[in-house]
Amino acid sequence: MTPAPADSGTLAFVESPVQLLNVLEWAHTAQATALTVVVLSPHDPMTRGQLRRMAELARDEGHTVRWEEARGGPTAPLRTIGGLTPLLRRAGRIVLGDPFSRYVQLLLTLTRARELVVVDDGTATMEFIGQLARGERLVRWHRHGTGRGARDLLFAPFANTARRRLTPAPEGRRRRTIGLFSSMPVDVPPGVQVTANDFAWTRARFGPPRLTRGTDLVGTSLVETGVVDADRYLEAVRTLARTHGATRYFAHRRESTDKLRRLATETGLEVVRPDLPLELIARRGPIGRLILSFPSTVVHTLPLALLGTEVRVAVCDIDPTWLTAGASPRAQGFLDGVTGTARDVQRLRFTGEPATG
C-alpha cells in the first residue's frame, strides 16, 4: 500500500468497534499517519460504549477521531452529510468498514477519491467480495426476501453508484484502485489489491495474555438477526458448556438482555459483556486455554490475535434444524463456509464432541 498524498489525507468511516479495530490494524500495516476516522454512531448502547473505547485507542495512536451522531433524529443525516462533504471532496483515499451500509454507500457518491480500501467488517466481508465478483447488488447475507421494498427502490440509484465506485477502474479518466485489508479467506475479483490482516498491531499493543485453566464460550447474535431459534441456541450453549466445562460466556454486543439473562439462569455461565472487541479482550487476558465459538468472525481472527500463545479455538457448526423458518435461504451455506474456511481451529459436532476425519 502506498501512502496517500499529504495534502489530501485519508478518511475512514466506521460504524462498529470491529471496523475501527481493523482500521487501526490497516493504518499500522500501511504506515498511515494522517488519518481522520469518522464514527457514524449507531443507537445501540453496547456498540456505542465499545466504539468510545476504541476511539480512545485511535487517538492514542495519533489519529483524529470525529464522532458523528449520524442517527440522532430526522435531520441528523442531512447535518452529517453536509458537514462531511468538504472532507469527502478533499480526501485522496477512503477507508471503509461496511460496504453494505446505506450511510456509507451514500457518502461514497460524494467522494472524488481515487483509492478506496475496504477493511474487514467480520464475516460480511466474505459475502461482499463474492457479490462484487458476481456483479450482484450488495445485500447482507442474513436478509430474507428480494430487497425490492419501497425504501430499497428509492435508494437503488445510490447503491448502484456505490457498487460502481467499489469496482476497480484501472484505466482512463476515472482511474480508481480498490484495496481489501482482510483476515478472511476470500477470492477477489481481478483488480482488487489484497493485503492480509494478521493483527500485528493488536499483538504489539497488548499481551501476551495470562491463561486460565478454564474454557470460555463466545456468543453470537444469530438469534437477534432471526437466523437461529432461541431455544435451540440455548440448548446448544448448555451442551457445549457441560461437555467442555465452560464457565464464562463472552456476549456479542448485539445480544439482547433478556436472552442473556435467560442464558445465565439456565446454563450457570458467567455472562461477560466486553467493553472492547474480543480480539483485544483475549489478547489482554486473562483468557481460557480453550475458546468455543459458533460460526463467526472470531474463528478467523482469534487464532491470529493469539498467535504464539497456547490458546486453542474450536468452532461448533450450526445444525440446519436450528434455523428459523424466516432465515435467509443463503444462511446455512454461508455459515458452513465460515466454519469450513477457518484455519487453525478445531471443528466440533453438534453434540459438542470433536469431529473426526
Protein backbone atom coordinates (compact mmCIF):
# COMPACT_ATOMS: atom_id res chain seq x y z
CA MET A 1 0.00 0.00 0.00
CA THR A 2 1.26 3.47 -0.84
CA PRO A 3 0.67 6.45 1.47
CA ALA A 4 -1.96 8.95 0.36
CA PRO A 5 -0.71 12.36 -0.77
CA ALA A 6 -0.01 14.57 2.23
CA ASP A 7 -2.34 17.34 1.05
CA SER A 8 -5.31 15.03 0.52
CA GLY A 9 -5.16 12.68 3.51
CA THR A 10 -7.08 9.58 4.36
CA LEU A 11 -10.66 9.50 5.59
CA ALA A 12 -12.06 6.39 7.31
CA PHE A 13 -15.71 5.61 8.05
CA VAL A 14 -16.66 3.13 10.77
CA GLU A 15 -19.92 2.08 12.42
CA SER A 16 -18.77 -0.73 14.72
CA PRO A 17 -15.90 -1.44 17.13
CA VAL A 18 -14.56 -4.26 14.94
CA GLN A 19 -14.42 -1.93 11.94
CA LEU A 20 -12.43 0.62 13.95
CA LEU A 21 -10.08 -2.08 15.21
CA ASN A 22 -9.41 -3.14 11.64
CA VAL A 23 -8.85 0.46 10.55
CA LEU A 24 -6.15 0.67 13.24
CA GLU A 25 -4.65 -2.60 12.00
CA TRP A 26 -4.69 -1.25 8.43
CA ALA A 27 -3.07 2.05 9.48
CA HIS A 28 -0.34 0.11 11.30
CA THR A 29 0.36 -2.05 8.25
CA ALA A 30 0.11 0.79 5.72
CA GLN A 31 2.09 3.17 7.97
CA ALA A 32 -0.70 5.72 7.52
CA THR A 33 -0.31 8.65 9.89
CA ALA A 34 -2.57 11.43 8.56
CA LEU A 35 -5.75 9.52 9.29
CA THR A 36 -9.14 11.00 10.15
CA VAL A 37 -11.63 8.45 11.48
CA VAL A 38 -15.31 9.34 11.24
CA VAL A 39 -17.50 7.34 13.62
CA LEU A 40 -21.07 7.13 12.29
CA SER A 41 -22.51 6.35 15.69
CA PRO A 42 -25.34 3.80 15.97
CA HIS A 43 -28.11 3.76 18.60
CA ASP A 44 -27.15 0.53 20.39
CA PRO A 45 -25.64 1.37 23.83
CA MET A 46 -23.20 -1.56 23.88
CA THR A 47 -21.88 -0.70 20.43
CA ARG A 48 -21.54 2.97 21.36
CA GLY A 49 -19.63 2.08 24.51
CA GLN A 50 -17.15 -0.13 22.67
CA LEU A 51 -16.76 2.49 19.94
CA ARG A 52 -15.86 5.15 22.52
CA ARG A 53 -13.19 2.87 23.98
CA MET A 54 -11.83 2.14 20.51
CA ALA A 55 -11.86 5.88 19.72
CA GLU A 56 -9.61 6.44 22.75
CA LEU A 57 -7.16 3.87 21.40
CA ALA A 58 -7.24 5.52 17.96
CA ARG A 59 -6.43 8.92 19.49
CA ASP A 60 -3.61 7.31 21.48
CA GLU A 61 -2.17 6.20 18.11
CA GLY A 62 -2.18 9.82 16.92
CA HIS A 63 -5.25 9.65 14.68
CA THR A 64 -8.02 12.23 14.56
CA VAL A 65 -11.44 10.90 15.53
CA ARG A 66 -14.63 12.70 14.54
CA TRP A 67 -17.73 11.40 16.33
CA GLU A 68 -20.95 11.92 14.37
CA GLU A 69 -24.41 11.42 15.87
CA ALA A 70 -25.43 10.28 12.41
CA ARG A 71 -28.71 8.75 13.56
CA GLY A 72 -29.71 11.32 16.18
CA GLY A 73 -33.06 12.37 14.76
CA PRO A 74 -34.71 13.06 11.39
CA THR A 75 -32.35 15.93 10.47
CA ALA A 76 -29.17 14.14 11.60
CA PRO A 77 -28.35 12.58 8.19
CA LEU A 78 -28.52 15.95 6.44
CA ARG A 79 -26.32 17.58 9.09
CA THR A 80 -23.84 14.72 8.98
CA ILE A 81 -23.58 14.60 5.20
CA GLY A 82 -23.35 18.37 4.95
CA GLY A 83 -20.55 18.51 7.49
CA LEU A 84 -18.61 15.68 5.88
CA THR A 85 -18.89 16.80 2.26
CA PRO A 86 -15.79 19.10 2.35
CA LEU A 87 -13.71 16.26 3.84
CA LEU A 88 -15.01 13.83 1.24
CA ARG A 89 -14.13 16.20 -1.58
CA ARG A 90 -10.55 16.64 -0.34
CA ALA A 91 -9.73 13.07 0.64
CA GLY A 92 -7.39 11.18 -1.63
CA ARG A 93 -8.14 7.85 -0.02
CA ILE A 94 -11.28 6.48 1.62
CA VAL A 95 -11.18 3.57 4.07
CA LEU A 96 -14.48 1.96 4.98
CA GLY A 97 -15.63 -0.91 7.14
CA ASP A 98 -19.12 -1.67 5.90
CA PRO A 99 -19.80 -1.51 2.17
CA PHE A 100 -23.36 -2.75 2.85
CA SER A 101 -24.18 0.34 4.94
CA ARG A 102 -26.61 2.69 3.22
CA TYR A 103 -24.95 5.59 5.01
CA VAL A 104 -21.54 4.64 3.62
CA GLN A 105 -22.96 3.98 0.16
CA LEU A 106 -24.48 7.46 0.13
CA LEU A 107 -21.20 9.05 1.23
CA LEU A 108 -19.31 7.19 -1.48
CA THR A 109 -21.34 9.01 -4.13
CA LEU A 110 -19.85 12.30 -2.89
CA THR A 111 -16.15 11.45 -2.96
CA ARG A 112 -13.59 12.00 -5.71
CA ALA A 113 -11.02 9.72 -4.05
CA ARG A 114 -9.05 7.57 -6.45
CA GLU A 115 -8.20 4.97 -3.81
CA LEU A 116 -10.79 3.05 -1.80
CA VAL A 117 -9.86 0.50 0.86
CA VAL A 118 -12.33 -1.92 2.46
CA VAL A 119 -11.32 -3.29 5.85
CA ASP A 120 -12.97 -6.26 7.49
CA ASP A 121 -16.44 -5.99 8.95
CA GLY A 122 -16.28 -9.56 10.13
CA THR A 123 -17.52 -12.40 8.00
CA ALA A 124 -19.69 -9.99 5.99
CA THR A 125 -16.51 -9.22 4.05
CA MET A 126 -16.66 -12.67 2.51
CA GLU A 127 -20.17 -12.02 1.20
CA PHE A 128 -19.25 -8.54 -0.05
CA ILE A 129 -16.36 -9.85 -2.14
CA GLY A 130 -18.50 -12.66 -3.55
CA GLN A 131 -21.25 -10.25 -4.58
CA LEU A 132 -18.74 -7.80 -6.05
CA ALA A 133 -17.15 -10.57 -8.13
CA ARG A 134 -20.55 -11.70 -9.41
CA GLY A 135 -21.74 -8.16 -10.13
CA GLU A 136 -24.68 -8.53 -7.75
CA ARG A 137 -26.46 -5.97 -5.61
CA LEU A 138 -24.86 -5.53 -2.19
CA VAL A 139 -27.23 -7.29 0.23
CA ARG A 140 -26.37 -8.66 3.67
CA TRP A 141 -26.31 -12.46 3.76
CA HIS A 142 -28.93 -12.82 6.54
CA ARG A 143 -31.54 -10.60 4.87
CA HIS A 144 -34.59 -12.50 3.73
CA GLY A 145 -36.60 -11.55 0.64
CA THR A 146 -35.91 -9.73 -2.60
CA GLY A 147 -34.71 -6.44 -1.15
CA ARG A 148 -37.09 -4.63 -3.50
CA GLY A 149 -39.25 -2.77 -0.99
CA ALA A 150 -40.12 0.90 -1.32
CA ARG A 151 -37.01 2.04 0.59
CA ASP A 152 -34.78 -0.25 -1.44
CA LEU A 153 -36.14 1.10 -4.71
CA LEU A 154 -35.76 4.69 -3.52
CA PHE A 155 -32.14 4.09 -2.52
CA ALA A 156 -31.24 1.94 -5.54
CA PRO A 157 -29.51 4.72 -7.57
CA PHE A 158 -27.14 5.46 -4.66
CA ALA A 159 -26.46 1.76 -4.06
CA ASN A 160 -25.66 1.23 -7.74
CA THR A 161 -23.29 4.20 -7.77
CA ALA A 162 -21.54 2.93 -4.63
CA ARG A 163 -21.09 -0.51 -6.17
CA ARG A 164 -19.52 1.06 -9.26
CA ARG A 165 -17.19 3.09 -7.02
CA LEU A 166 -16.16 -0.13 -5.31
CA THR A 167 -15.33 -1.78 -8.64
CA PRO A 168 -11.73 -1.31 -9.84
CA ALA A 169 -11.24 1.07 -12.78
CA PRO A 170 -7.52 0.78 -13.58
CA GLU A 171 -7.54 2.87 -16.74
CA GLY A 172 -8.97 6.07 -18.18
CA ARG A 173 -10.00 9.38 -16.74
CA ARG A 174 -11.82 7.74 -13.83
CA ARG A 175 -8.86 5.54 -12.82
CA ARG A 176 -9.56 4.09 -9.38
CA THR A 177 -7.90 1.43 -7.22
CA ILE A 178 -9.73 -0.81 -4.77
CA GLY A 179 -7.93 -2.42 -1.86
CA LEU A 180 -9.05 -5.08 0.60
CA PHE A 181 -7.46 -5.44 4.02
CA SER A 182 -8.69 -8.72 5.41
CA SER A 183 -8.07 -11.71 7.64
CA MET A 184 -10.90 -13.57 5.88
CA PRO A 185 -10.35 -16.25 3.20
CA VAL A 186 -11.58 -14.53 0.04
CA ASP A 187 -11.23 -14.93 -3.72
CA VAL A 188 -11.15 -11.38 -5.00
CA PRO A 189 -12.20 -10.23 -8.48
CA PRO A 190 -9.49 -9.00 -10.86
CA GLY A 191 -8.05 -5.62 -9.99
CA VAL A 192 -8.71 -5.72 -6.23
CA GLN A 193 -5.48 -5.40 -4.25
CA VAL A 194 -5.42 -7.63 -1.16
CA THR A 195 -3.36 -7.08 1.97
CA ALA A 196 -3.50 -9.68 4.74
CA ASN A 197 -4.56 -8.55 8.19
CA ASP A 198 -2.52 -10.58 10.68
CA PHE A 199 -3.41 -8.44 13.73
CA ALA A 200 0.16 -7.21 14.11
CA TRP A 201 -0.98 -4.02 15.88
CA THR A 202 -3.06 -5.96 18.41
CA ARG A 203 -0.21 -8.33 19.22
CA ALA A 204 2.27 -5.47 19.54
CA ARG A 205 -0.06 -3.35 21.68
CA PHE A 206 -1.49 -5.98 24.07
CA GLY A 207 -0.41 -9.12 25.86
CA PRO A 208 0.67 -11.81 25.85
CA PRO A 209 -2.33 -12.81 28.00
CA ARG A 210 -2.44 -14.75 31.22
CA LEU A 211 -4.18 -18.07 30.56
CA THR A 212 -6.71 -19.62 32.91
CA ARG A 213 -7.33 -23.35 33.24
CA GLY A 214 -10.96 -22.97 32.19
CA THR A 215 -12.89 -22.81 28.92
CA ASP A 216 -14.56 -19.67 27.55
CA LEU A 217 -17.53 -19.60 25.19
CA VAL A 218 -18.12 -16.81 22.65
CA GLY A 219 -21.66 -15.64 21.99
CA THR A 220 -23.30 -14.77 18.71
CA SER A 221 -26.18 -12.56 17.55
CA LEU A 222 -27.63 -15.19 15.20
CA VAL A 223 -30.79 -15.27 17.33
CA GLU A 224 -31.16 -11.50 17.19
CA THR A 225 -30.77 -11.44 13.40
CA GLY A 226 -33.53 -14.04 13.05
CA VAL A 227 -31.29 -16.83 11.74
CA VAL A 228 -31.26 -19.28 14.67
CA ASP A 229 -34.10 -20.31 17.00
CA ALA A 230 -33.57 -19.04 20.56
CA ASP A 231 -34.47 -22.33 22.31
CA ARG A 232 -32.19 -24.34 20.02
CA TYR A 233 -29.36 -21.85 20.61
CA LEU A 234 -29.65 -22.02 24.39
CA GLU A 235 -29.69 -25.81 24.29
CA ALA A 236 -26.52 -25.79 22.16
CA VAL A 237 -24.80 -23.41 24.59
CA ARG A 238 -25.84 -25.60 27.53
CA THR A 239 -24.46 -28.72 25.79
CA LEU A 240 -21.15 -27.07 24.92
CA ALA A 241 -20.72 -25.68 28.43
CA ARG A 242 -21.44 -29.06 30.04
CA THR A 243 -19.23 -31.03 27.64
CA HIS A 244 -16.21 -28.75 27.83
CA GLY A 245 -16.54 -27.30 31.32
CA ALA A 246 -17.03 -23.71 30.16
CA THR A 247 -17.53 -21.15 32.91
CA ARG A 248 -17.68 -17.80 31.07
CA TYR A 249 -19.81 -16.60 28.15
CA PHE A 250 -18.50 -13.56 26.27
CA ALA A 251 -21.62 -11.89 24.91
CA HIS A 252 -21.85 -10.39 21.44
CA ARG A 253 -22.58 -6.66 21.65
CA ARG A 254 -25.93 -7.17 19.88
CA GLU A 255 -27.25 -9.95 22.11
CA SER A 256 -30.43 -8.97 23.94
CA THR A 257 -30.50 -8.52 27.69
CA ASP A 258 -33.48 -10.89 28.07
CA LYS A 259 -31.72 -13.68 26.19
CA LEU A 260 -28.52 -13.26 28.20
CA ARG A 261 -30.45 -13.26 31.49
CA ARG A 262 -32.17 -16.49 30.48
CA LEU A 263 -28.86 -17.98 29.32
CA ALA A 264 -27.16 -17.24 32.63
CA THR A 265 -30.08 -18.74 34.59
CA GLU A 266 -30.38 -21.92 32.51
CA THR A 267 -26.68 -22.67 31.95
CA GLY A 268 -24.97 -21.27 35.04
CA LEU A 269 -22.42 -19.47 32.86
CA GLU A 270 -21.00 -16.14 33.93
CA VAL A 271 -22.07 -13.68 31.23
CA VAL A 272 -19.38 -11.12 30.37
CA ARG A 273 -20.23 -8.05 28.29
CA PRO A 274 -16.85 -6.92 26.88
CA ASP A 275 -16.03 -3.22 26.59
CA LEU A 276 -13.73 -3.86 23.59
CA PRO A 277 -13.72 -6.27 20.61
CA LEU A 278 -12.98 -9.82 21.71
CA GLU A 279 -9.63 -9.88 19.89
CA LEU A 280 -8.36 -7.21 22.30
CA ILE A 281 -10.07 -8.72 25.35
CA ALA A 282 -8.48 -12.10 24.62
CA ARG A 283 -5.08 -10.60 23.94
CA ARG A 284 -5.14 -8.64 27.20
CA GLY A 285 -6.34 -11.67 29.18
CA PRO A 286 -6.99 -13.49 31.32
CA ILE A 287 -8.49 -15.92 28.81
CA GLY A 288 -9.23 -19.65 28.82
CA ARG A 289 -6.91 -22.14 27.19
CA LEU A 290 -9.87 -23.27 25.08
CA ILE A 291 -12.26 -20.84 23.38
CA LEU A 292 -15.51 -22.24 21.93
CA SER A 293 -17.45 -20.39 19.27
CA PHE A 294 -20.23 -20.79 16.74
CA PRO A 295 -19.51 -19.75 13.13
CA SER A 296 -18.46 -16.12 13.37
CA THR A 297 -15.65 -13.70 12.70
CA VAL A 298 -13.65 -14.76 15.76
CA VAL A 299 -12.90 -18.25 14.40
CA HIS A 300 -10.78 -16.45 11.81
CA THR A 301 -9.39 -13.59 13.89
CA LEU A 302 -8.68 -15.07 17.33
CA PRO A 303 -6.03 -17.54 16.09
CA LEU A 304 -4.20 -14.56 14.57
CA ALA A 305 -4.56 -12.29 17.59
CA LEU A 306 -3.47 -15.10 19.92
CA LEU A 307 -0.58 -16.30 17.77
CA GLY A 308 2.27 -17.57 19.92
CA THR A 309 0.04 -18.46 22.89
CA GLU A 310 -1.26 -21.86 23.94
CA VAL A 311 -4.92 -20.94 23.39
CA ARG A 312 -6.96 -23.30 21.20
CA VAL A 313 -10.05 -22.14 19.31
CA ALA A 314 -12.87 -24.58 18.49
CA VAL A 315 -15.99 -23.96 16.40
CA CYS A 316 -19.35 -25.71 16.62
CA ASP A 317 -21.30 -25.92 13.36
CA ILE A 318 -24.88 -24.68 13.15
CA ASP A 319 -27.24 -27.62 12.73
CA PRO A 320 -29.79 -26.96 9.95
CA THR A 321 -32.58 -27.79 12.41
CA TRP A 322 -31.62 -24.74 14.49
CA LEU A 323 -32.53 -22.31 11.71
CA THR A 324 -35.76 -20.35 11.93
CA ALA A 325 -38.46 -20.52 9.28
CA GLY A 326 -37.64 -16.93 8.33
CA ALA A 327 -33.90 -17.48 7.87
CA SER A 328 -32.47 -16.49 4.52
CA PRO A 329 -32.09 -19.39 2.06
CA ARG A 330 -28.40 -18.48 1.91
CA ALA A 331 -27.88 -18.76 5.68
CA GLN A 332 -26.81 -22.41 6.01
CA GLY A 333 -24.39 -22.27 3.09
CA PHE A 334 -22.84 -19.05 4.34
CA LEU A 335 -22.41 -20.34 7.91
CA ASP A 336 -20.92 -23.61 6.64
CA GLY A 337 -18.48 -21.58 4.57
CA VAL A 338 -17.43 -19.51 7.58
CA THR A 339 -16.60 -22.68 9.51
CA GLY A 340 -15.12 -24.65 6.63
CA THR A 341 -12.62 -21.94 5.67
CA ALA A 342 -11.39 -21.24 9.21
CA ARG A 343 -7.73 -22.03 9.75
CA ASP A 344 -6.09 -23.35 12.93
CA VAL A 345 -9.38 -24.16 14.65
CA GLN A 346 -10.92 -27.43 15.85
CA ARG A 347 -14.36 -28.36 14.50
CA LEU A 348 -16.97 -29.82 16.85
CA ARG A 349 -20.01 -31.98 16.26
CA PHE A 350 -23.43 -30.58 17.16
CA THR A 351 -23.20 -32.58 20.40
CA GLY A 352 -20.06 -30.69 21.35
CA GLU A 353 -17.78 -33.65 20.61
CA PRO A 354 -14.71 -33.25 18.36
CA ALA A 355 -15.30 -34.10 14.69
CA THR A 356 -13.31 -36.95 13.18
CA GLY A 357 -11.63 -37.10 9.81
